[in-house]
Amino acid sequence: MLGGMRRLAVPVLVVLSLAACDSGPGDSGADAPSASPSSSDPGSDDYVVLAGEQSVMVRIDAGDGDAPELYTLSCPHEGDVFTTSSTLPDADAACAHLGALTDPFAELPGDQTCTQVYGGSQTALIAGNWAGEDVRLELSRTDGCRIAQWDRLAPLLPVDVG
């Protein structure tokens, strides 16, 4: 019973915490120097580490001026089966996809050479806990490396990039 209550409380706490952090219109975070999306302040730590071994919050800014979309994904691992609790569309597929990746939230190497191809103004922030490790990954589509990183995590990013 306590586990079920905890699972229900996590998405509520995340949404409330993120709502308090929203910087409002006009803050695109486009000047963020990192290889990732923007939170209300790209350098801040205003994210929530979700309870559970494999739970993340996803904040997606489609770059169209609309408010960012917020999702949660929790993938408790029971044996070889993922059980999901999530607001992310197609959470089962996202959990299975992440489970098949080695180090899905790895940062890009700092010395990597990337093609100078612009993929769009979309950004995302993924924060939480995965496989016992804290996660905070900012994503963007500003060059070939970052586009490939975005595409690798596409099941977590339900936004039209076409």
C-alpha atoms as a PDB file:
ATOM      1  CA  MET A   1       0.000   0.000   0.000  1.00  0.00           C
ATOM      2  CA  LEU A   2       2.775   2.428   0.896  1.00  0.00           C
ATOM      3  CA  GLY A   3       4.493   1.738  -2.446  1.00  0.00           C
ATOM      4  CA  GLY A   4       1.265   2.531  -4.307  1.00  0.00           C
ATOM      5  CA  MET A   5       0.836   5.795  -2.404  1.00  0.00           C
ATOM      6  CA  ARG A   6       4.447   6.719  -3.125  1.00  0.00           C
ATOM      7  CA  ARG A   7       3.921   6.057  -6.846  1.00  0.00           C
ATOM      8  CA  LEU A   8       0.902   8.374  -6.869  1.00  0.00           C
ATOM      9  CA  ALA A   9       2.667  11.069  -4.866  1.00  0.00           C
ATOM     10  CA  VAL A  10       5.732  11.261  -7.131  1.00  0.00           C
ATOM     11  CA  PRO A  11       4.016  12.686 -10.252  1.00  0.00           C
ATOM     12  CA  VAL A  12       2.049  15.159  -8.125  1.00  0.00           C
ATOM     13  CA  LEU A  13       5.181  16.393  -6.355  1.00  0.00           C
ATOM     14  CA  VAL A  14       7.069  16.714  -9.623  1.00  0.00           C
ATOM     15  CA  VAL A  15       4.344  18.738 -11.311  1.00  0.00           C
ATOM     16  CA  LEU A  16       3.960  21.021  -8.287  1.00  0.00           C
ATOM     17  CA  SER A  17       7.718  21.514  -8.020  1.00  0.00           C
ATOM     18  CA  LEU A  18       8.111  22.225 -11.714  1.00  0.00           C
ATOM     19  CA  ALA A  19       5.178  24.634 -11.744  1.00  0.00           C
ATOM     20  CA  ALA A  20       6.907  26.622  -9.013  1.00  0.00           C
ATOM     21  CA  CYS A  21      10.115  26.702 -11.094  1.00  0.00           C
ATOM     22  CA  ASP A  22       8.578  27.822 -14.392  1.00  0.00           C
ATOM     23  CA  SER A  23      10.144  31.089 -15.396  1.00  0.00           C
ATOM     24  CA  GLY A  24       7.248  32.167 -17.554  1.00  0.00           C
ATOM     25  CA  PRO A  25       7.069  33.359 -21.146  1.00  0.00           C
ATOM     26  CA  GLY A  26      10.084  34.586 -23.002  1.00  0.00           C
ATOM     27  CA  ASP A  27      12.752  32.530 -21.227  1.00  0.00           C
ATOM     28  CA  SER A  28      14.013  30.219 -23.916  1.00  0.00           C
ATOM     29  CA  GLY A  29      17.389  29.438 -22.370  1.00  0.00           C
ATOM     30  CA  ALA A  30      18.830  29.604 -25.890  1.00  0.00           C
ATOM     31  CA  ASP A  31      22.087  31.016 -24.581  1.00  0.00           C
ATOM     32  CA  ALA A  32      22.811  27.914 -22.510  1.00  0.00           C
ATOM     33  CA  PRO A  33      26.346  26.752 -23.214  1.00  0.00           C
ATOM     34  CA  SER A  34      25.641  23.117 -22.453  1.00  0.00           C
ATOM     35  CA  ALA A  35      24.651  20.308 -24.796  1.00  0.00           C
ATOM     36  CA  SER A  36      21.137  20.288 -23.566  1.00  0.00           C
ATOM     37  CA  PRO A  37      17.790  21.837 -22.942  1.00  0.00           C
ATOM     38  CA  SER A  38      16.988  24.674 -20.724  1.00  0.00           C
ATOM     39  CA  SER A  39      15.291  24.787 -17.396  1.00  0.00           C
ATOM     40  CA  SER A  40      14.111  28.159 -16.162  1.00  0.00           C
ATOM     41  CA  ASP A  41      17.803  28.870 -15.525  1.00  0.00           C
ATOM     42  CA  PRO A  42      20.073  26.507 -17.455  1.00  0.00           C
ATOM     43  CA  GLY A  43      22.679  26.525 -14.710  1.00  0.00           C
ATOM     44  CA  SER A  44      20.293  26.024 -11.820  1.00  0.00           C
ATOM     45  CA  ASP A  45      19.495  22.893  -9.875  1.00  0.00           C
ATOM     46  CA  ASP A  46      15.734  23.486  -9.810  1.00  0.00           C
ATOM     47  CA  TYR A  47      14.728  19.946 -10.602  1.00  0.00           C
ATOM     48  CA  VAL A  48      13.373  17.129  -8.521  1.00  0.00           C
ATOM     49  CA  VAL A  49      15.040  13.764  -8.060  1.00  0.00           C
ATOM     50  CA  LEU A  50      12.107  11.389  -8.171  1.00  0.00           C
ATOM     51  CA  ALA A  51      11.701   8.562  -5.716  1.00  0.00           C
ATOM     52  CA  GLY A  52      12.503   5.190  -7.180  1.00  0.00           C
ATOM     53  CA  GLU A  53      15.468   3.651  -8.888  1.00  0.00           C
ATOM     54  CA  GLN A  54      14.404   4.463 -12.459  1.00  0.00           C
ATOM     55  CA  SER A  55      12.264   7.593 -12.491  1.00  0.00           C
ATOM     56  CA  VAL A  56      12.754  10.762 -14.491  1.00  0.00           C
ATOM     57  CA  MET A  57      10.969  14.015 -15.133  1.00  0.00           C
ATOM     58  CA  VAL A  58      10.968  15.313 -18.706  1.00  0.00           C
ATOM     59  CA  ARG A  59      10.420  18.991 -19.514  1.00  0.00           C
ATOM     60  CA  ILE A  60      10.132  19.676 -23.241  1.00  0.00           C
ATOM     61  CA  ASP A  61      10.083  23.084 -24.892  1.00  0.00           C
ATOM     62  CA  ALA A  62       8.954  22.681 -28.498  1.00  0.00           C
ATOM     63  CA  GLY A  63      10.504  26.067 -29.327  1.00  0.00           C
ATOM     64  CA  ASP A  64       7.203  27.423 -30.623  1.00  0.00           C
ATOM     65  CA  GLY A  65       6.510  29.925 -27.851  1.00  0.00           C
ATOM     66  CA  ASP A  66       4.038  27.680 -26.041  1.00  0.00           C
ATOM     67  CA  ALA A  67       4.619  26.643 -22.431  1.00  0.00           C
ATOM     68  CA  PRO A  68       6.910  23.637 -21.969  1.00  0.00           C
ATOM     69  CA  GLU A  69       5.290  20.225 -21.582  1.00  0.00           C
ATOM     70  CA  LEU A  70       6.012  18.260 -18.401  1.00  0.00           C
ATOM     71  CA  TYR A  71       6.011  14.475 -18.123  1.00  0.00           C
ATOM     72  CA  THR A  72       7.074  11.877 -15.601  1.00  0.00           C
ATOM     73  CA  LEU A  73       8.371   8.409 -16.309  1.00  0.00           C
ATOM     74  CA  SER A  74       8.838   5.766 -13.655  1.00  0.00           C
ATOM     75  CA  CYS A  75      10.105   2.365 -14.697  1.00  0.00           C
ATOM     76  CA  PRO A  76      10.324   0.129 -11.637  1.00  0.00           C
ATOM     77  CA  HIS A  77      12.254  -2.945 -12.673  1.00  0.00           C
ATOM     78  CA  GLU A  78      10.875  -6.249 -11.405  1.00  0.00           C
ATOM     79  CA  GLY A  79      13.038  -9.090 -12.672  1.00  0.00           C
ATOM     80  CA  ASP A  80      13.128  -8.832 -16.458  1.00  0.00           C
ATOM     81  CA  VAL A  81       9.846  -6.904 -16.663  1.00  0.00           C
ATOM     82  CA  PHE A  82       9.369  -3.150 -16.492  1.00  0.00           C
ATOM     83  CA  THR A  83       6.239  -1.874 -14.781  1.00  0.00           C
ATOM     84  CA  THR A  84       5.456   1.743 -15.521  1.00  0.00           C
ATOM     85  CA  SER A  85       3.828   4.617 -13.718  1.00  0.00           C
ATOM     86  CA  SER A  86       3.951   7.682 -15.879  1.00  0.00           C
ATOM     87  CA  THR A  87       2.359  10.677 -17.543  1.00  0.00           C
ATOM     88  CA  LEU A  88       4.589  10.194 -20.608  1.00  0.00           C
ATOM     89  CA  PRO A  89       2.726   8.895 -23.672  1.00  0.00           C
ATOM     90  CA  ASP A  90       3.685   5.284 -24.441  1.00  0.00           C
ATOM     91  CA  ALA A  91       5.584   4.863 -21.180  1.00  0.00           C
ATOM     92  CA  ASP A  92       6.015   1.110 -21.704  1.00  0.00           C
ATOM     93  CA  ALA A  93       7.918   1.690 -24.952  1.00  0.00           C
ATOM     94  CA  ALA A  94      10.028   4.443 -23.343  1.00  0.00           C
ATOM     95  CA  CYS A  95      10.946   2.179 -20.402  1.00  0.00           C
ATOM     96  CA  ALA A  96      11.830  -0.713 -22.721  1.00  0.00           C
ATOM     97  CA  HIS A  97      13.894   1.601 -24.951  1.00  0.00           C
ATOM     98  CA  LEU A  98      15.845   3.068 -22.026  1.00  0.00           C
ATOM     99  CA  GLY A  99      16.359  -0.381 -20.545  1.00  0.00           C
ATOM    100  CA  ALA A 100      18.010  -1.528 -23.770  1.00  0.00           C
ATOM    101  CA  LEU A 101      20.495   1.383 -23.819  1.00  0.00           C
ATOM    102  CA  THR A 102      23.867   1.417 -22.111  1.00  0.00           C
ATOM    103  CA  ASP A 103      24.134   4.649 -20.094  1.00  0.00           C
ATOM    104  CA  PRO A 104      21.137   6.352 -21.763  1.00  0.00           C
ATOM    105  CA  PHE A 105      21.723   9.712 -20.066  1.00  0.00           C
ATOM    106  CA  ALA A 106      25.444  10.072 -20.738  1.00  0.00           C
ATOM    107  CA  GLU A 107      26.712  13.564 -21.485  1.00  0.00           C
ATOM    108  CA  LEU A 108      28.351  14.177 -24.845  1.00  0.00           C
ATOM    109  CA  PRO A 109      32.157  14.063 -24.739  1.00  0.00           C
ATOM    110  CA  GLY A 110      33.602  17.563 -24.498  1.00  0.00           C
ATOM    111  CA  ASP A 111      36.159  16.924 -27.251  1.00  0.00           C
ATOM    112  CA  GLN A 112      33.700  15.472 -29.761  1.00  0.00           C
ATOM    113  CA  THR A 113      33.651  17.047 -33.227  1.00  0.00           C
ATOM    114  CA  CYS A 114      30.098  17.714 -34.409  1.00  0.00           C
ATOM    115  CA  THR A 115      28.618  18.666 -37.760  1.00  0.00           C
ATOM    116  CA  GLN A 116      27.266  22.199 -37.796  1.00  0.00           C
ATOM    117  CA  VAL A 117      23.709  21.275 -38.703  1.00  0.00           C
ATOM    118  CA  TYR A 118      20.838  23.054 -36.978  1.00  0.00           C
ATOM    119  CA  GLY A 119      17.942  20.720 -36.160  1.00  0.00           C
ATOM    120  CA  GLY A 120      15.514  23.179 -34.587  1.00  0.00           C
ATOM    121  CA  SER A 121      14.843  25.218 -31.469  1.00  0.00           C
ATOM    122  CA  GLN A 122      13.453  22.361 -29.365  1.00  0.00           C
ATOM    123  CA  THR A 123      15.037  21.812 -25.945  1.00  0.00           C
ATOM    124  CA  ALA A 124      14.429  19.343 -23.142  1.00  0.00           C
ATOM    125  CA  LEU A 125      15.507  18.673 -19.581  1.00  0.00           C
ATOM    126  CA  ILE A 126      15.577  15.151 -18.196  1.00  0.00           C
ATOM    127  CA  ALA A 127      16.140  14.887 -14.444  1.00  0.00           C
ATOM    128  CA  GLY A 128      15.687  12.214 -11.836  1.00  0.00           C
ATOM    129  CA  ASN A 129      17.299   8.915 -10.985  1.00  0.00           C
ATOM    130  CA  TRP A 130      18.205   6.036 -13.279  1.00  0.00           C
ATOM    131  CA  ALA A 131      19.884   2.796 -12.220  1.00  0.00           C
ATOM    132  CA  GLY A 132      20.735   4.339  -8.859  1.00  0.00           C
ATOM    133  CA  GLU A 133      22.439   7.408 -10.387  1.00  0.00           C
ATOM    134  CA  ASP A 134      21.211  11.007 -10.313  1.00  0.00           C
ATOM    135  CA  VAL A 135      20.330  12.249 -13.792  1.00  0.00           C
ATOM    136  CA  ARG A 136      20.274  15.800 -15.110  1.00  0.00           C
ATOM    137  CA  LEU A 137      20.627  16.028 -18.862  1.00  0.00           C
ATOM    138  CA  GLU A 138      19.842  19.043 -21.003  1.00  0.00           C
ATOM    139  CA  LEU A 139      19.139  18.365 -24.670  1.00  0.00           C
ATOM    140  CA  SER A 140      18.923  20.541 -27.752  1.00  0.00           C
ATOM    141  CA  ARG A 141      19.074  20.159 -31.528  1.00  0.00           C
ATOM    142  CA  THR A 142      21.766  22.755 -32.245  1.00  0.00           C
ATOM    143  CA  ASP A 143      24.304  20.522 -34.020  1.00  0.00           C
ATOM    144  CA  GLY A 144      24.728  16.995 -35.380  1.00  0.00           C
ATOM    145  CA  CYS A 145      25.896  15.487 -32.077  1.00  0.00           C
ATOM    146  CA  ARG A 146      23.004  16.963 -30.128  1.00  0.00           C
ATOM    147  CA  ILE A 147      20.493  15.912 -32.788  1.00  0.00           C
ATOM    148  CA  ALA A 148      21.807  12.330 -32.555  1.00  0.00           C
ATOM    149  CA  GLN A 149      21.582  12.479 -28.739  1.00  0.00           C
ATOM    150  CA  TRP A 150      17.980  13.754 -29.016  1.00  0.00           C
ATOM    151  CA  ASP A 151      17.096  11.024 -31.518  1.00  0.00           C
ATOM    152  CA  ARG A 152      18.625   8.361 -29.243  1.00  0.00           C
ATOM    153  CA  LEU A 153      16.189   9.418 -26.505  1.00  0.00           C
ATOM    154  CA  ALA A 154      13.233  10.060 -28.841  1.00  0.00           C
ATOM    155  CA  PRO A 155      10.754   7.814 -26.931  1.00  0.00           C
ATOM    156  CA  LEU A 156      11.110  10.259 -24.002  1.00  0.00           C
ATOM    157  CA  LEU A 157      10.513  13.331 -26.170  1.00  0.00           C
ATOM    158  CA  PRO A 158       6.971  13.360 -27.595  1.00  0.00           C
ATOM    159  CA  VAL A 159       7.322  16.564 -29.571  1.00  0.00           C
ATOM    160  CA  ASP A 160       7.075  17.099 -33.300  1.00  0.00           C
ATOM    161  CA  VAL A 161      10.497  18.083 -34.631  1.00  0.00           C
ATOM    162  CA  GLY A 162       9.462  18.017 -38.277  1.00  0.00           C
END
